[in-house]
């Protein structure tokens, strides 16, 4: 079976690795709060072995979207986050950075993320994490994070899924713009990098004025990686498009 990544938009990725099917931060609808999807709404795979949630923000944890995902799939969530899904009727597995588990024959390890992971507007402070998923290949899903020096400890990666923007004209703290994401690539040196967390949502009413945000971040990221980490293969995917890791 071919190991494959399919970007469904924003931070939602189908990761087929080692015979397992994992889904990251599923957001599948046309609207999330004040955000409107400017790409076709995707469907979750019919079978999912596990859901990986990086943090509790509404554009990463969307209970309505989670309800469309295979109900047998356990949900891996940062420590302290399970209370946000206590009514979901799912198996919930909490991990802190450094913790790991075996799921469907694949090893999953939570790693640090520099991001405020609480559920806004009134949630308690909750950890945000990324994940390193390992079978025959190793894939890093960063979730949402600022660049941090300890990323250099994430070595021997076949692929990295790195956030390069957000959903509006400005970025708050705890995010990477294309230049900062390219610096992260230079630290971790994956064989393949796929930019995520861009090009999918814009606030209602801003689509015409800020349509460039659906194009420019990925172009800038690819150009900066070519300068700072020229040996890394950058694959800019359209929502719904896949890349086989064997091709990396």
Protein backbone atom coordinates (compact mmCIF):
# COMPACT_ATOMS: atom_id res chain seq x y z
CA UNK A 1 0.00 0.00 0.00
CA UNK A 2 1.36 3.41 -0.98
CA UNK A 3 1.92 5.96 1.78
CA UNK A 4 0.08 9.08 0.73
CA UNK A 5 -0.88 12.58 1.92
CA UNK A 6 -4.10 14.26 0.76
CA UNK A 7 -4.68 17.88 1.71
CA UNK A 8 -8.39 18.62 2.17
CA UNK A 9 -7.83 22.31 2.97
CA UNK A 10 -6.64 24.39 5.94
CA UNK A 11 -5.10 21.97 8.49
CA UNK A 12 -7.12 18.92 7.40
CA UNK A 13 -4.99 16.17 5.89
CA UNK A 14 -5.68 12.51 5.19
CA UNK A 15 -2.51 10.61 6.04
CA UNK A 16 -2.30 7.06 4.70
CA UNK A 17 0.77 5.53 6.29
CA UNK A 18 1.75 2.00 7.21
CA UNK A 19 -1.70 0.71 6.28
CA UNK A 20 -3.44 3.15 8.66
CA UNK A 21 -5.65 6.09 7.70
CA UNK A 22 -5.33 9.15 9.95
CA UNK A 23 -7.15 12.46 9.68
CA UNK A 24 -5.76 15.71 11.09
CA UNK A 25 -7.84 18.61 12.46
CA UNK A 26 -11.01 17.80 10.45
CA UNK A 27 -12.88 20.91 9.30
CA UNK A 28 -15.15 19.84 6.46
CA UNK A 29 -18.00 22.34 6.15
CA UNK A 30 -18.51 25.53 4.17
CA UNK A 31 -18.56 27.71 7.29
CA UNK A 32 -16.69 27.85 10.57
CA UNK A 33 -17.90 30.70 12.76
CA UNK A 34 -17.20 33.86 10.71
CA UNK A 35 -15.08 32.04 8.12
CA UNK A 36 -16.28 30.93 4.70
CA UNK A 37 -14.63 28.15 2.72
CA UNK A 38 -13.53 29.29 -0.73
CA UNK A 39 -12.94 25.79 -2.08
CA UNK A 40 -15.26 22.81 -2.52
CA UNK A 41 -16.20 21.20 0.80
CA UNK A 42 -14.38 17.87 1.16
CA UNK A 43 -15.59 14.53 2.46
CA UNK A 44 -13.86 12.48 5.10
CA UNK A 45 -12.66 9.03 4.06
CA UNK A 46 -15.25 6.32 4.81
CA UNK A 47 -12.83 4.55 7.15
CA UNK A 48 -10.50 6.38 9.53
CA UNK A 49 -8.25 4.67 12.09
CA UNK A 50 -7.67 7.80 14.15
CA UNK A 51 -8.20 11.55 14.31
CA UNK A 52 -5.31 13.79 15.40
CA UNK A 53 -6.34 17.13 16.91
CA UNK A 54 -3.58 19.68 17.43
CA UNK A 55 -5.53 22.15 19.59
CA UNK A 56 -8.99 23.44 20.38
CA UNK A 57 -9.40 26.50 18.15
CA UNK A 58 -12.60 26.47 16.10
CA UNK A 59 -10.75 26.18 12.79
CA UNK A 60 -9.07 22.98 14.04
CA UNK A 61 -11.66 21.41 16.33
CA UNK A 62 -15.10 21.58 14.71
CA UNK A 63 -17.56 19.20 16.43
CA UNK A 64 -19.95 19.28 13.48
CA UNK A 65 -17.19 18.14 11.12
CA UNK A 66 -16.03 15.52 13.60
CA UNK A 67 -19.55 14.11 13.51
CA UNK A 68 -19.03 13.33 9.81
CA UNK A 69 -15.96 11.20 10.50
CA UNK A 70 -15.99 7.43 11.04
CA UNK A 71 -17.57 7.11 14.53
CA UNK A 72 -15.28 4.19 15.41
CA UNK A 73 -12.16 6.34 15.02
CA UNK A 74 -10.55 7.33 18.34
CA UNK A 75 -9.62 10.98 18.74
CA UNK A 76 -6.14 11.95 19.95
CA UNK A 77 -6.26 15.34 21.61
CA UNK A 78 -3.87 17.48 23.70
CA UNK A 79 -3.93 16.95 27.45
CA UNK A 80 -6.85 18.80 29.00
CA UNK A 81 -8.79 19.00 25.75
CA UNK A 82 -11.10 16.01 26.17
CA UNK A 83 -13.65 18.05 28.12
CA UNK A 84 -14.39 19.99 24.90
CA UNK A 85 -15.61 16.71 23.35
CA UNK A 86 -17.14 15.03 26.39
CA UNK A 87 -20.50 14.76 24.60
CA UNK A 88 -19.11 13.43 21.33
CA UNK A 89 -19.53 9.78 22.27
CA UNK A 90 -16.03 8.89 21.06
CA UNK A 91 -12.94 7.29 22.48
CA UNK A 92 -10.70 10.19 23.50
CA UNK A 93 -6.96 9.84 24.09
CA UNK A 94 -5.14 12.77 25.70
CA UNK A 95 -1.44 13.28 25.07
CA UNK A 96 1.07 15.84 26.28
CA UNK A 97 4.16 16.73 24.29
CA UNK A 98 6.55 13.80 24.67
CA UNK A 99 3.79 11.20 25.08
CA UNK A 100 3.23 8.52 22.47
CA UNK A 101 0.95 5.62 21.58
CA UNK A 102 0.52 2.85 19.06
CA UNK A 103 -2.60 3.16 16.91
CA UNK A 104 -3.51 0.81 14.03
CA UNK A 105 0.10 -0.35 13.83
CA UNK A 106 1.50 3.19 13.63
CA UNK A 107 3.46 5.03 16.33
CA UNK A 108 2.20 8.53 17.13
CA UNK A 109 4.19 10.92 19.31
CA UNK A 110 2.97 14.32 20.45
CA UNK A 111 5.59 17.05 20.08
CA UNK A 112 5.63 20.68 21.26
CA UNK A 113 3.87 23.54 19.50
CA UNK A 114 4.18 27.23 20.36
CA UNK A 115 0.55 28.28 20.21
CA UNK A 116 -2.28 29.17 22.58
CA UNK A 117 -4.44 26.06 22.33
CA UNK A 118 -7.43 27.07 24.45
CA UNK A 119 -11.02 26.99 23.18
CA UNK A 120 -12.00 30.62 22.61
CA UNK A 121 -13.49 32.83 23.87
CA UNK A 122 -13.70 31.48 27.42
CA UNK A 123 -11.78 28.20 27.40
CA UNK A 124 -9.20 27.23 29.98
CA UNK A 125 -5.58 27.29 28.89
CA UNK A 126 -4.89 24.03 27.07
CA UNK A 127 -1.76 22.67 25.46
CA UNK A 128 -1.26 22.74 21.69
CA UNK A 129 0.80 19.99 20.10
CA UNK A 130 2.05 18.65 16.82
CA UNK A 131 2.51 14.99 16.00
CA UNK A 132 5.23 12.79 14.51
CA UNK A 133 3.67 9.75 12.89
CA UNK A 134 5.96 6.82 12.20
CA UNK A 135 5.62 3.54 10.37
CA UNK A 136 8.01 2.77 7.52
CA UNK A 137 8.14 6.55 7.00
CA UNK A 138 8.09 9.50 9.41
CA UNK A 139 5.71 12.42 8.96
CA UNK A 140 5.51 15.59 11.06
CA UNK A 141 2.15 17.34 11.36
CA UNK A 142 2.87 20.68 13.01
CA UNK A 143 -0.73 21.70 13.69
CA UNK A 144 -0.45 25.42 14.34
CA UNK A 145 2.74 26.85 15.79
CA UNK A 146 5.35 29.53 15.70
CA UNK A 147 8.86 28.52 14.67
CA UNK A 148 10.94 27.33 17.64
CA UNK A 149 14.56 26.22 17.86
CA UNK A 150 13.75 22.73 19.21
CA UNK A 151 12.21 21.90 15.84
CA UNK A 152 15.77 20.96 14.93
CA UNK A 153 15.30 17.86 17.13
CA UNK A 154 12.70 16.53 14.67
CA UNK A 155 15.06 14.60 12.45
CA UNK A 156 14.92 12.06 9.63
CA UNK A 157 11.49 13.16 8.40
CA UNK A 158 10.12 11.89 5.13
CA UNK A 159 7.49 14.62 5.08
CA UNK A 160 6.41 17.68 7.04
CA UNK A 161 3.01 19.37 7.04
CA UNK A 162 3.75 22.97 8.01
CA UNK A 163 1.37 25.90 8.53
CA UNK A 164 2.36 28.91 6.44
CA UNK A 165 -0.47 31.39 7.02
CA UNK A 166 -3.94 31.53 8.55
CA UNK A 167 -7.40 32.62 7.47
CA UNK A 168 -7.23 36.40 7.29
CA UNK A 169 -5.11 39.36 6.26
CA UNK A 170 -3.11 39.34 9.52
CA UNK A 171 -1.42 36.73 11.68
CA UNK A 172 -1.48 36.78 15.44
CA UNK A 173 1.18 35.28 17.73
CA UNK A 174 1.78 31.56 17.52
CA UNK A 175 1.70 31.38 13.72
CA UNK A 176 4.24 31.20 10.92
CA UNK A 177 4.23 33.31 7.80
CA UNK A 178 5.93 31.96 4.64
CA UNK A 179 9.36 33.22 5.66
CA UNK A 180 9.18 31.80 9.17
CA UNK A 181 7.86 28.49 7.84
CA UNK A 182 10.81 28.35 5.43
CA UNK A 183 13.13 28.87 8.42
CA UNK A 184 11.42 25.90 10.07
CA UNK A 185 12.08 23.82 6.96
CA UNK A 186 15.75 24.73 7.17
CA UNK A 187 15.77 23.49 10.78
CA UNK A 188 14.05 20.15 10.25
CA UNK A 189 15.18 19.35 6.66
CA UNK A 190 12.38 16.96 5.66
CA UNK A 191 12.61 15.22 2.33
CA UNK A 192 9.20 16.64 1.38
CA UNK A 193 7.19 19.56 2.76
CA UNK A 194 3.53 20.30 2.10
CA UNK A 195 2.26 23.76 3.15
CA UNK A 196 -1.02 23.74 5.09
CA UNK A 197 -3.16 26.26 6.99
CA UNK A 198 -3.58 28.60 4.03
CA UNK A 199 -5.69 29.12 0.93
CA UNK A 200 -8.99 27.75 2.22
CA UNK A 201 -10.95 30.17 4.44
CA UNK A 202 -11.45 33.91 4.56
CA UNK A 203 -13.74 35.96 6.80
CA UNK A 204 -17.17 36.58 5.33
CA UNK A 205 -17.11 39.70 3.14
CA UNK A 206 -13.35 39.77 2.57
CA UNK A 207 -13.02 37.33 -0.32
CA UNK A 208 -12.82 39.93 -3.09
CA UNK A 209 -10.47 42.31 -1.29
CA UNK A 210 -8.09 39.61 -0.06
CA UNK A 211 -8.32 36.95 -2.78
CA UNK A 212 -4.51 37.06 -3.08
CA UNK A 213 -4.33 35.19 0.24
CA UNK A 214 -5.65 32.15 -1.59
CA UNK A 215 -2.50 32.16 -3.76
CA UNK A 216 0.37 34.25 -2.47
CA UNK A 217 1.42 32.50 0.77
CA UNK A 218 2.28 29.21 -0.94
CA UNK A 219 4.15 30.96 -3.75
CA UNK A 220 6.18 32.95 -1.23
CA UNK A 221 6.85 29.85 0.87
CA UNK A 222 8.13 27.82 -2.09
CA UNK A 223 10.42 30.66 -3.12
CA UNK A 224 11.83 31.08 0.39
CA UNK A 225 12.44 27.34 0.83
CA UNK A 226 14.30 27.29 -2.47
CA UNK A 227 16.67 29.85 -0.92
CA UNK A 228 17.03 28.51 2.64
CA UNK A 229 16.67 24.73 2.13
CA UNK A 230 17.21 24.06 -1.59
CA UNK A 231 17.34 20.27 -1.23
CA UNK A 232 13.80 20.01 0.16
CA UNK A 233 10.97 19.06 -2.22
CA UNK A 234 8.07 21.55 -1.81
CA UNK A 235 4.70 20.25 -2.97
CA UNK A 236 1.97 22.90 -3.11
CA UNK A 237 -1.30 20.99 -3.27
CA UNK A 238 -4.78 22.15 -4.21
CA UNK A 239 -7.55 21.09 -1.81
CA UNK A 240 -8.26 17.43 -2.50
CA UNK A 241 -4.90 16.80 -4.18
CA UNK A 242 -2.54 14.04 -3.03
CA UNK A 243 1.16 13.26 -3.05
CA UNK A 244 2.57 9.75 -2.66
CA UNK A 245 5.50 9.65 -0.27
CA UNK A 246 7.19 7.11 -2.49
CA UNK A 247 7.51 9.96 -5.01
CA UNK A 248 9.29 12.26 -2.57
